[in-house]
Protein backbone atom coordinates (compact mmCIF):
# COMPACT_ATOMS: atom_id res chain seq x y z
CA UNK A 1 0.00 0.00 0.00
CA UNK A 2 1.50 3.29 -1.11
CA UNK A 3 2.15 6.26 1.18
CA UNK A 4 5.03 8.41 2.41
CA UNK A 5 7.33 7.03 5.11
CA UNK A 6 6.24 9.82 7.43
CA UNK A 7 2.73 8.32 7.46
CA UNK A 8 3.90 4.78 8.31
CA UNK A 9 3.24 3.55 11.80
CA UNK A 10 2.27 0.48 13.80
CA UNK A 11 4.16 -2.16 11.86
CA UNK A 12 4.20 -0.36 8.52
CA UNK A 13 0.49 0.59 8.32
CA UNK A 14 -0.23 4.05 7.00
CA UNK A 15 -2.49 6.37 8.97
CA UNK A 16 -5.31 5.72 6.51
CA UNK A 17 -4.95 1.94 6.81
CA UNK A 18 -4.77 2.14 10.60
CA UNK A 19 -7.97 4.22 10.78
CA UNK A 20 -9.72 1.96 8.26
CA UNK A 21 -8.83 -1.17 10.26
CA UNK A 22 -9.95 0.46 13.51
CA UNK A 23 -13.27 1.51 11.98
CA UNK A 24 -13.80 -1.98 10.50
CA UNK A 25 -13.17 -3.64 13.86
CA UNK A 26 -15.56 -1.21 15.57
CA UNK A 27 -18.23 -1.97 12.96
CA UNK A 28 -17.85 -5.73 13.42
CA UNK A 29 -17.84 -5.51 17.22
CA UNK A 30 -20.34 -2.74 18.00
CA UNK A 31 -22.24 -2.26 14.75
CA UNK A 32 -22.83 0.99 12.90
CA UNK A 33 -22.49 4.27 14.80
CA UNK A 34 -21.69 7.91 14.12
CA UNK A 35 -18.25 7.38 15.64
CA UNK A 36 -17.64 4.49 13.25
CA UNK A 37 -18.72 6.66 10.30
CA UNK A 38 -16.36 9.44 11.39
CA UNK A 39 -13.45 6.98 11.59
CA UNK A 40 -14.15 5.75 8.05
CA UNK A 41 -14.30 9.39 6.87
CA UNK A 42 -10.98 10.12 8.58
CA UNK A 43 -9.52 7.03 6.91
CA UNK A 44 -10.67 8.33 3.52
CA UNK A 45 -9.15 11.75 4.17
CA UNK A 46 -5.88 10.15 5.30
CA UNK A 47 -5.76 7.96 2.19
CA UNK A 48 -6.21 11.06 0.04
CA UNK A 49 -3.34 12.87 1.81
CA UNK A 50 -1.12 9.83 1.41
CA UNK A 51 -1.88 9.62 -2.32
CA UNK A 52 -3.06 6.05 -1.75
CA UNK A 53 -4.89 4.27 -4.59
CA UNK A 54 -8.20 6.00 -5.28
CA UNK A 55 -10.28 2.89 -4.64
CA UNK A 56 -9.06 2.80 -1.01
CA UNK A 57 -10.30 6.33 -0.32
CA UNK A 58 -13.56 5.66 -2.16
CA UNK A 59 -14.12 2.44 -0.22
CA UNK A 60 -13.61 4.26 3.09
CA UNK A 61 -16.15 6.98 2.22
CA UNK A 62 -18.59 4.34 0.97
CA UNK A 63 -18.29 2.51 4.31
CA UNK A 64 -18.89 5.82 6.14
CA UNK A 65 -22.11 6.30 4.16
CA UNK A 66 -23.20 2.75 4.94
CA UNK A 67 -22.66 3.37 8.67
CA UNK A 68 -24.79 6.52 8.52
CA UNK A 69 -27.50 4.63 6.64
CA UNK A 70 -27.68 2.11 9.47
CA UNK A 71 -27.46 4.48 12.44
CA UNK A 72 -28.86 7.86 11.38
CA UNK A 73 -31.75 9.54 9.57
CA UNK A 74 -29.45 12.30 8.29
CA UNK A 75 -29.53 11.58 4.55
CA UNK A 76 -27.52 14.72 3.74
CA UNK A 77 -24.40 13.49 5.60
CA UNK A 78 -24.90 9.99 4.19
CA UNK A 79 -25.26 11.34 0.63
CA UNK A 80 -22.12 13.49 1.08
CA UNK A 81 -20.08 10.36 1.88
CA UNK A 82 -21.38 8.43 -1.12
CA UNK A 83 -20.94 11.44 -3.42
CA UNK A 84 -17.33 11.87 -2.29
CA UNK A 85 -16.70 8.19 -2.99
CA UNK A 86 -18.29 8.50 -6.44
CA UNK A 87 -16.35 11.64 -7.30
CA UNK A 88 -13.08 9.95 -6.39
CA UNK A 89 -13.94 6.97 -8.59
CA UNK A 90 -14.66 9.28 -11.53
CA UNK A 91 -10.92 9.95 -11.82
CA UNK A 92 -10.29 6.33 -12.85
CA UNK A 93 -10.22 5.58 -16.59
CA UNK A 94 -12.13 2.30 -16.16
CA UNK A 95 -14.59 3.70 -13.62
CA UNK A 96 -17.74 2.60 -15.45
CA UNK A 97 -16.59 -1.01 -15.46
CA UNK A 98 -15.58 -1.06 -11.81
CA UNK A 99 -17.88 -3.04 -9.45
CA UNK A 100 -17.08 -0.63 -6.60
CA UNK A 101 -18.44 2.27 -8.68
CA UNK A 102 -21.63 0.28 -9.29
CA UNK A 103 -22.03 -0.37 -5.56
CA UNK A 104 -21.41 3.29 -4.68
CA UNK A 105 -23.96 4.47 -7.25
CA UNK A 106 -26.51 1.98 -5.96
CA UNK A 107 -25.98 3.11 -2.36
CA UNK A 108 -26.27 6.76 -3.36
CA UNK A 109 -29.42 5.97 -5.36
CA UNK A 110 -31.05 4.40 -2.32
CA UNK A 111 -30.15 7.47 -0.26
CA UNK A 112 -31.54 9.84 -2.92
CA UNK A 113 -34.77 7.85 -3.09
CA UNK A 114 -35.29 8.18 0.66
CA UNK A 115 -34.70 11.94 0.49
CA UNK A 116 -37.29 12.30 -2.28
CA UNK A 117 -34.91 12.82 -5.22
CA UNK A 118 -36.48 10.03 -7.23
CA UNK A 119 -35.40 11.02 -10.74
CA UNK A 120 -31.76 11.26 -9.64
CA UNK A 121 -32.09 7.94 -7.81
CA UNK A 122 -33.46 6.24 -10.93
CA UNK A 123 -30.59 7.61 -13.02
CA UNK A 124 -28.02 6.27 -10.54
CA UNK A 125 -29.69 2.85 -10.39
CA UNK A 126 -29.64 2.66 -14.20
CA UNK A 127 -25.94 3.54 -14.30
CA UNK A 128 -25.21 0.90 -11.68
CA UNK A 129 -27.25 -1.68 -13.61
CA UNK A 130 -25.23 -1.09 -16.81
CA UNK A 131 -21.94 -1.85 -15.06
CA UNK A 132 -23.30 -4.85 -13.18
CA UNK A 133 -24.93 -6.21 -16.33
CA UNK A 134 -21.56 -6.45 -18.09
CA UNK A 135 -19.96 -8.06 -15.04
CA UNK A 136 -22.89 -10.45 -14.64
CA UNK A 137 -22.83 -11.69 -18.24
CA UNK A 138 -19.09 -12.15 -17.93
CA UNK A 139 -19.79 -14.41 -14.92
CA UNK A 140 -22.51 -16.31 -16.78
CA UNK A 141 -20.23 -16.86 -19.79
CA UNK A 142 -17.90 -18.70 -17.41
CA UNK A 143 -20.65 -21.05 -16.34
CA UNK A 144 -22.35 -19.76 -13.18
CA UNK A 145 -24.04 -16.81 -11.54
CA UNK A 146 -21.97 -15.05 -8.89
CA UNK A 147 -21.75 -11.86 -6.88
CA UNK A 148 -22.42 -9.53 -9.81
CA UNK A 149 -25.57 -11.53 -10.64
CA UNK A 150 -26.92 -11.06 -7.10
CA UNK A 151 -26.03 -7.36 -7.10
CA UNK A 152 -27.68 -6.83 -10.50
CA UNK A 153 -30.88 -8.52 -9.31
CA UNK A 154 -30.87 -6.30 -6.21
CA UNK A 155 -30.44 -3.12 -8.25
CA UNK A 156 -33.20 -4.08 -10.69
CA UNK A 157 -35.52 -4.85 -7.76
CA UNK A 158 -34.80 -1.45 -6.20
CA UNK A 159 -35.28 0.29 -9.54
CA UNK A 160 -38.59 -1.52 -10.12
CA UNK A 161 -39.86 -0.50 -6.68
CA UNK A 162 -38.77 3.08 -7.29
CA UNK A 163 -40.55 3.18 -10.67
CA UNK A 164 -43.67 1.76 -8.99
CA UNK A 165 -43.57 4.48 -6.33
CA UNK A 166 -43.14 7.09 -9.08
CA UNK A 167 -46.19 5.75 -10.93
CA UNK A 168 -44.02 4.56 -13.84
CA UNK A 169 -45.70 1.17 -13.95
CA UNK A 170 -44.56 0.00 -17.40
CA UNK A 171 -40.91 0.59 -16.48
CA UNK A 172 -41.46 -1.19 -13.17
CA UNK A 173 -43.00 -4.16 -14.96
CA UNK A 174 -40.03 -4.30 -17.34
CA UNK A 175 -37.57 -4.42 -14.44
CA UNK A 176 -39.50 -7.16 -12.64
CA UNK A 177 -39.76 -9.17 -15.88
CA UNK A 178 -36.01 -8.85 -16.43
CA UNK A 179 -35.27 -10.17 -12.94
CA UNK A 180 -37.77 -13.05 -13.20
CA UNK A 181 -36.25 -14.16 -16.51
CA UNK A 182 -32.72 -14.04 -15.10
CA UNK A 183 -33.55 -16.06 -12.00
CA UNK A 184 -35.53 -18.66 -13.95
CA UNK A 185 -32.85 -19.10 -16.61
CA UNK A 186 -29.60 -18.75 -14.69
CA UNK A 187 -30.11 -19.44 -10.99
CA UNK A 188 -29.71 -22.85 -9.43
CA UNK A 189 -33.25 -23.61 -8.28
CA UNK A 190 -33.77 -24.01 -4.55
CA UNK A 191 -36.38 -23.14 -1.94
CA UNK A 192 -34.62 -19.81 -1.48
CA UNK A 193 -34.70 -18.88 -5.17
CA UNK A 194 -38.30 -20.11 -5.53
CA UNK A 195 -39.32 -17.96 -2.56
CA UNK A 196 -37.55 -15.00 -4.17
CA UNK A 197 -39.30 -15.71 -7.48
CA UNK A 198 -42.67 -15.82 -5.74
CA UNK A 199 -42.05 -12.35 -4.35
CA UNK A 200 -41.10 -10.99 -7.77
CA UNK A 201 -44.14 -12.56 -9.46
CA UNK A 202 -46.41 -11.07 -6.81
CA UNK A 203 -44.73 -7.66 -7.16
CA UNK A 204 -45.10 -7.72 -10.95
CA UNK A 205 -48.73 -8.70 -10.49
CA UNK A 206 -49.40 -5.58 -8.40
CA UNK A 207 -47.89 -3.45 -11.15
CA UNK A 208 -50.01 -5.19 -13.80
CA UNK A 209 -53.07 -4.38 -11.69
CA UNK A 210 -52.10 -0.71 -11.83
CA UNK A 211 -52.11 -0.75 -15.65
CA UNK A 212 -55.45 -2.64 -15.66
CA UNK A 213 -53.91 -5.90 -16.85
CA UNK A 214 -56.05 -7.89 -14.44
CA UNK A 215 -55.65 -11.19 -16.27
CA UNK A 216 -51.88 -10.65 -16.09
CA UNK A 217 -52.08 -10.16 -12.33
CA UNK A 218 -54.11 -13.36 -11.95
CA UNK A 219 -51.41 -15.20 -13.90
CA UNK A 220 -48.56 -13.74 -11.83
CA UNK A 221 -50.28 -14.23 -8.47
CA UNK A 222 -51.14 -17.82 -9.38
CA UNK A 223 -47.48 -18.51 -10.12
CA UNK A 224 -46.47 -16.78 -6.88
CA UNK A 225 -48.97 -18.82 -4.86
CA UNK A 226 -47.81 -22.13 -6.36
CA UNK A 227 -44.17 -21.34 -5.61
CA UNK A 228 -44.91 -20.11 -2.07
CA UNK A 229 -47.04 -23.12 -1.19
CA UNK A 230 -44.40 -25.49 -2.53
CA UNK A 231 -41.63 -24.06 -0.35
CA UNK A 232 -43.87 -23.41 2.67
CA UNK A 233 -43.39 -19.64 2.76
CA UNK A 234 -44.54 -17.42 5.61
CA UNK A 235 -48.28 -17.12 6.09
CA UNK A 236 -48.78 -13.36 5.83
CA UNK A 237 -47.04 -13.21 2.45
CA UNK A 238 -49.11 -16.05 1.07
CA UNK A 239 -52.30 -14.43 2.34
CA UNK A 240 -51.40 -11.20 0.56
CA UNK A 241 -50.90 -13.12 -2.70
CA UNK A 242 -54.39 -14.64 -2.42
CA UNK A 243 -55.81 -11.23 -1.57
CA UNK A 244 -54.11 -9.60 -4.57
CA UNK A 245 -55.45 -12.28 -6.91
CA UNK A 246 -58.89 -11.85 -5.39
CA UNK A 247 -58.81 -8.13 -6.19
CA UNK A 248 -57.91 -8.94 -9.80
CA UNK A 249 -60.80 -11.43 -10.02
CA UNK A 250 -63.11 -8.66 -8.76
CA UNK A 251 -62.04 -6.35 -11.58
CA UNK A 252 -62.63 -9.17 -14.07
CA UNK A 253 -66.15 -9.66 -12.70
CA UNK A 254 -65.29 -13.18 -11.50
CA UNK A 255 -66.94 -12.76 -8.11
CA UNK A 256 -67.09 -16.45 -7.14
CA UNK A 257 -63.33 -16.77 -7.69
CA UNK A 258 -62.84 -13.52 -5.78
CA UNK A 259 -64.76 -14.86 -2.78
CA UNK A 260 -62.79 -18.13 -2.78
CA UNK A 261 -59.45 -16.29 -2.77
CA UNK A 262 -60.48 -13.77 -0.14
CA UNK A 263 -61.72 -16.57 2.12
CA UNK A 264 -58.38 -18.32 1.69
CA UNK A 265 -56.58 -15.08 2.55
CA UNK A 266 -58.77 -14.57 5.63
CA UNK A 267 -58.07 -18.13 6.77
CA UNK A 268 -54.33 -17.51 6.49
CA UNK A 269 -54.49 -14.18 8.34
CA UNK A 270 -56.49 -15.83 11.14
CA UNK A 271 -53.66 -18.34 11.58
CA UNK A 272 -51.23 -15.45 12.06
CA UNK A 273 -52.76 -14.78 15.48
CA UNK A 274 -51.29 -11.76 17.22
CA UNK A 275 -48.67 -11.11 14.54
CA UNK A 276 -48.37 -7.37 13.84
CA UNK A 277 -50.77 -6.25 11.13
CA UNK A 278 -52.55 -9.62 10.90
CA UNK A 279 -55.90 -8.38 12.21
CA UNK A 280 -55.86 -5.39 9.83
CA UNK A 281 -55.28 -7.77 6.91
CA UNK A 282 -58.02 -10.07 8.23
CA UNK A 283 -60.39 -7.09 8.29
CA UNK A 284 -59.56 -6.16 4.69
CA UNK A 285 -60.06 -9.68 3.40
CA UNK A 286 -63.32 -10.08 5.36
CA UNK A 287 -64.62 -6.79 3.94
CA UNK A 288 -63.67 -8.00 0.43
CA UNK A 289 -65.54 -11.29 0.98
CA UNK A 290 -68.62 -9.28 1.91
CA UNK A 291 -68.19 -7.09 -1.16
CA UNK A 292 -67.91 -10.16 -3.40
CA UNK A 293 -71.04 -11.66 -1.88
CA UNK A 294 -72.89 -8.37 -2.43
CA UNK A 295 -71.75 -8.18 -6.04
CA UNK A 296 -72.98 -11.78 -6.48
CA UNK A 297 -76.38 -10.72 -5.06
CA UNK A 298 -75.94 -13.06 -2.09
CA UNK A 299 -77.19 -10.22 0.05
CA UNK A 300 -78.04 -11.89 3.35
CA UNK A 301 -74.61 -13.60 3.43
CA UNK A 302 -73.03 -10.27 2.52
CA UNK A 303 -74.83 -8.53 5.39
CA UNK A 304 -73.55 -11.11 7.90
CA UNK A 305 -70.00 -10.77 6.58
CA UNK A 306 -70.08 -6.96 6.63
CA UNK A 307 -71.15 -7.33 10.25
CA UNK A 308 -68.15 -9.57 10.97
CA UNK A 309 -65.85 -7.01 9.35
CA UNK A 310 -67.37 -4.24 11.48
CA UNK A 311 -66.77 -6.27 14.64
CA UNK A 312 -63.14 -6.81 13.65
CA UNK A 313 -62.65 -3.07 13.17
CA UNK A 314 -64.30 -2.41 16.54
CA UNK A 315 -61.81 -4.83 18.13
CA UNK A 316 -58.96 -2.96 16.47
CA UNK A 317 -60.29 0.34 17.83
CA UNK A 318 -60.52 -1.13 21.31
CA UNK A 319 -56.88 -2.22 21.08
CA UNK A 320 -55.51 1.22 20.18
CA UNK A 321 -53.62 3.26 22.73
CA UNK A 322 -55.43 6.06 24.51
CA UNK A 323 -55.09 9.34 22.63
CA UNK A 324 -54.30 7.67 19.30
CA UNK A 325 -56.20 8.97 16.27
CA UNK A 326 -58.92 6.43 15.42
CA UNK A 327 -60.80 8.48 12.80
CA UNK A 328 -59.83 6.16 9.94
CA UNK A 329 -61.02 3.17 11.96
CA UNK A 330 -64.32 4.88 12.76
CA UNK A 331 -64.87 5.55 9.05
CA UNK A 332 -63.96 1.98 8.12
CA UNK A 333 -66.39 0.51 10.65
CA UNK A 334 -69.08 2.94 9.54
CA UNK A 335 -68.56 1.89 5.91
CA UNK A 336 -69.11 -1.75 6.94
CA UNK A 337 -72.32 -0.88 8.78
CA UNK A 338 -73.67 1.26 5.94
CA UNK A 339 -73.03 -1.57 3.46
CA UNK A 340 -74.60 -4.06 5.88
CA UNK A 341 -77.66 -1.84 6.19
CA UNK A 342 -78.04 -1.63 2.41
CA UNK A 343 -77.82 -5.43 2.06
CA UNK A 344 -80.35 -5.99 4.85
CA UNK A 345 -82.76 -3.67 3.01
CA UNK A 346 -82.31 -5.34 -0.36
CA UNK A 347 -82.21 -9.00 0.69
CA UNK A 348 -85.23 -11.27 0.26
CA UNK A 349 -86.24 -10.85 3.90
CA UNK A 350 -86.27 -7.02 3.61
CA UNK A 351 -85.03 -6.48 7.17
CA UNK A 352 -85.80 -2.76 7.30
CA UNK A 353 -85.68 -2.34 11.06
CA UNK A 354 -82.33 -4.15 11.27
CA UNK A 355 -81.16 -1.89 8.47
CA UNK A 356 -82.24 1.20 10.39
CA UNK A 357 -80.34 0.01 13.45
CA UNK A 358 -77.14 -0.33 11.37
CA UNK A 359 -77.59 3.16 9.90
CA UNK A 360 -77.97 4.51 13.44
CA UNK A 361 -74.77 2.78 14.56
CA UNK A 362 -72.92 4.13 11.52
CA UNK A 363 -74.18 7.65 12.18
CA UNK A 364 -72.98 7.46 15.80
CA UNK A 365 -69.51 6.56 14.54
CA UNK A 366 -69.33 9.41 12.03
CA UNK A 367 -71.07 12.31 13.72
CA UNK A 368 -68.04 13.41 15.71
CA UNK A 369 -65.78 13.59 12.65
CA UNK A 370 -65.21 16.70 10.55
CA UNK A 371 -63.09 15.58 7.59
CA UNK A 372 -64.53 15.50 4.10
CA UNK A 373 -64.61 11.71 3.85
CA UNK A 374 -66.70 11.37 7.00
CA UNK A 375 -69.04 14.21 5.99
CA UNK A 376 -69.61 12.68 2.54
CA UNK A 377 -70.54 9.37 4.16
CA UNK A 378 -72.89 11.14 6.57
CA UNK A 379 -74.56 13.02 3.72
CA UNK A 380 -75.38 9.75 1.95
CA UNK A 381 -76.32 7.99 5.20
CA UNK A 382 -78.84 10.66 6.23
CA UNK A 383 -80.48 10.51 2.81
CA UNK A 384 -80.77 6.70 2.92
CA UNK A 385 -82.08 6.75 6.48
CA UNK A 386 -84.58 9.46 5.49
CA UNK A 387 -86.01 7.10 2.86
CA UNK A 388 -86.37 4.35 5.48
CA UNK A 389 -88.15 6.67 7.91
CA UNK A 390 -90.49 7.70 5.11
CA UNK A 391 -91.29 4.03 4.43
CA UNK A 392 -92.11 3.63 8.15
CA UNK A 393 -94.37 6.71 7.86
CA UNK A 394 -92.20 8.55 10.38
CA UNK A 395 -92.29 11.75 8.40
CA UNK A 396 -90.77 14.08 11.01
CA UNK A 397 -87.69 11.88 11.31
CA UNK A 398 -87.51 11.57 7.52
CA UNK A 399 -87.65 15.35 7.12
CA UNK A 400 -84.99 15.90 9.80
CA UNK A 401 -82.57 13.50 8.09
CA UNK A 402 -83.28 15.04 4.70
CA UNK A 403 -82.41 18.49 6.07
CA UNK A 404 -79.25 17.13 7.72
CA UNK A 405 -78.15 15.65 4.40
CA UNK A 406 -78.92 18.89 2.58
CA UNK A 407 -76.97 20.96 5.13
CA UNK A 408 -73.89 18.77 4.74
CA UNK A 409 -74.19 18.92 0.94
CA UNK A 410 -74.28 22.74 1.03
CA UNK A 411 -71.35 22.81 3.43
CA UNK A 412 -69.28 20.61 1.14
CA UNK A 413 -70.19 22.74 -1.89
CA UNK A 414 -69.19 25.89 -0.02
CA UNK A 415 -65.86 24.32 0.88
CA UNK A 416 -65.28 23.40 -2.77
CA UNK A 417 -65.98 26.97 -3.87
CA UNK A 418 -63.43 28.28 -1.38
CA UNK A 419 -60.70 26.02 -2.72
CA UNK A 420 -58.45 27.77 -5.30
CA UNK A 421 -59.11 26.45 -8.78
CA UNK A 422 -56.25 24.65 -10.49
CA UNK A 423 -55.36 25.85 -14.01
CA UNK A 424 -56.84 23.58 -16.64
CA UNK A 425 -54.27 21.37 -18.37
CA UNK A 426 -53.68 21.99 -22.06
CA UNK A 427 -54.68 19.16 -24.32
């Protein structure tokens, strides 16, 4: 390792090497910390003063950025480390073919994405992918996938997720397709790779849903489910795959298939017990079952299932910490009760009084809320309940609800008029 004699110490190690070794030992022993990041930065600065090979300085700054990623929310300091590493690497003639440059760009891209600089992040991921692609195909030409293959797959996954978050769904689908093809054609198949493939198929399916390719999502989710069930993957993930396919069946008008998948998802989420988020997912799948039954005109079954969904949401509300905002939960439970009321009205038994009771319970949930979503629900609820009161010949109650609905409607219109108008887009 090059460096002036004046910088040699401790058995021939330069100051940069000594600091780098110390930081590495601290990282292995104590994990990432700000002190560890500062030591890596000092190592990079020392390497620069010693005119050490550029890659050594760049590697030290890259490690500093990685430490800050793990221990701090300060993306500006983290980005500064990665940018310094990248700028140093730019001085090398073969920089674009260097795996370290690809890693640095990928790390910087991830940092930029978290700080909201999505376009810059996408550009960096693409640059990283070009370098890793060449290295990967060089590996494959020698007979097997290696480190560059794994890194390329990781970058394409990150790029796909970034495109999805940006609403660039076609680009996201292309990235997921590229990764699926690579894994299927070049990876040694195992439970681990099949589990990874299942995740990618499910992810591509969600993107296909966004572009209204519902048949494509059914195909991808089916493949994901088969792979996950074969390797015995974790229950929440499998439940989400069934739920995603159920949503696609709904959009295709295949309500019986939708109900089957949502019931399977609900069964899986029930098995998850007290796992974090399991009851929320159980609520969503139960609500979707009810919706499928309603769309299939199985109205009495739908009413019972909407009731079960409402009870689940009430349990979730009861489990929240005191002082926590529960407005979204109140609206969700109210939506269940309003839908249950409508089904009770329309079913063969015409359970009008039961329907009225559900409307009353929904109104009690919403009447303390002031946001637009709650007010819109109340406006509709009062109008529907007014019609029921009129059918019962309770005209005073019907009139009162009609006036309540009208007052909310006027209030919402007034709010809309006060909102500044957006300039119309040119065609």
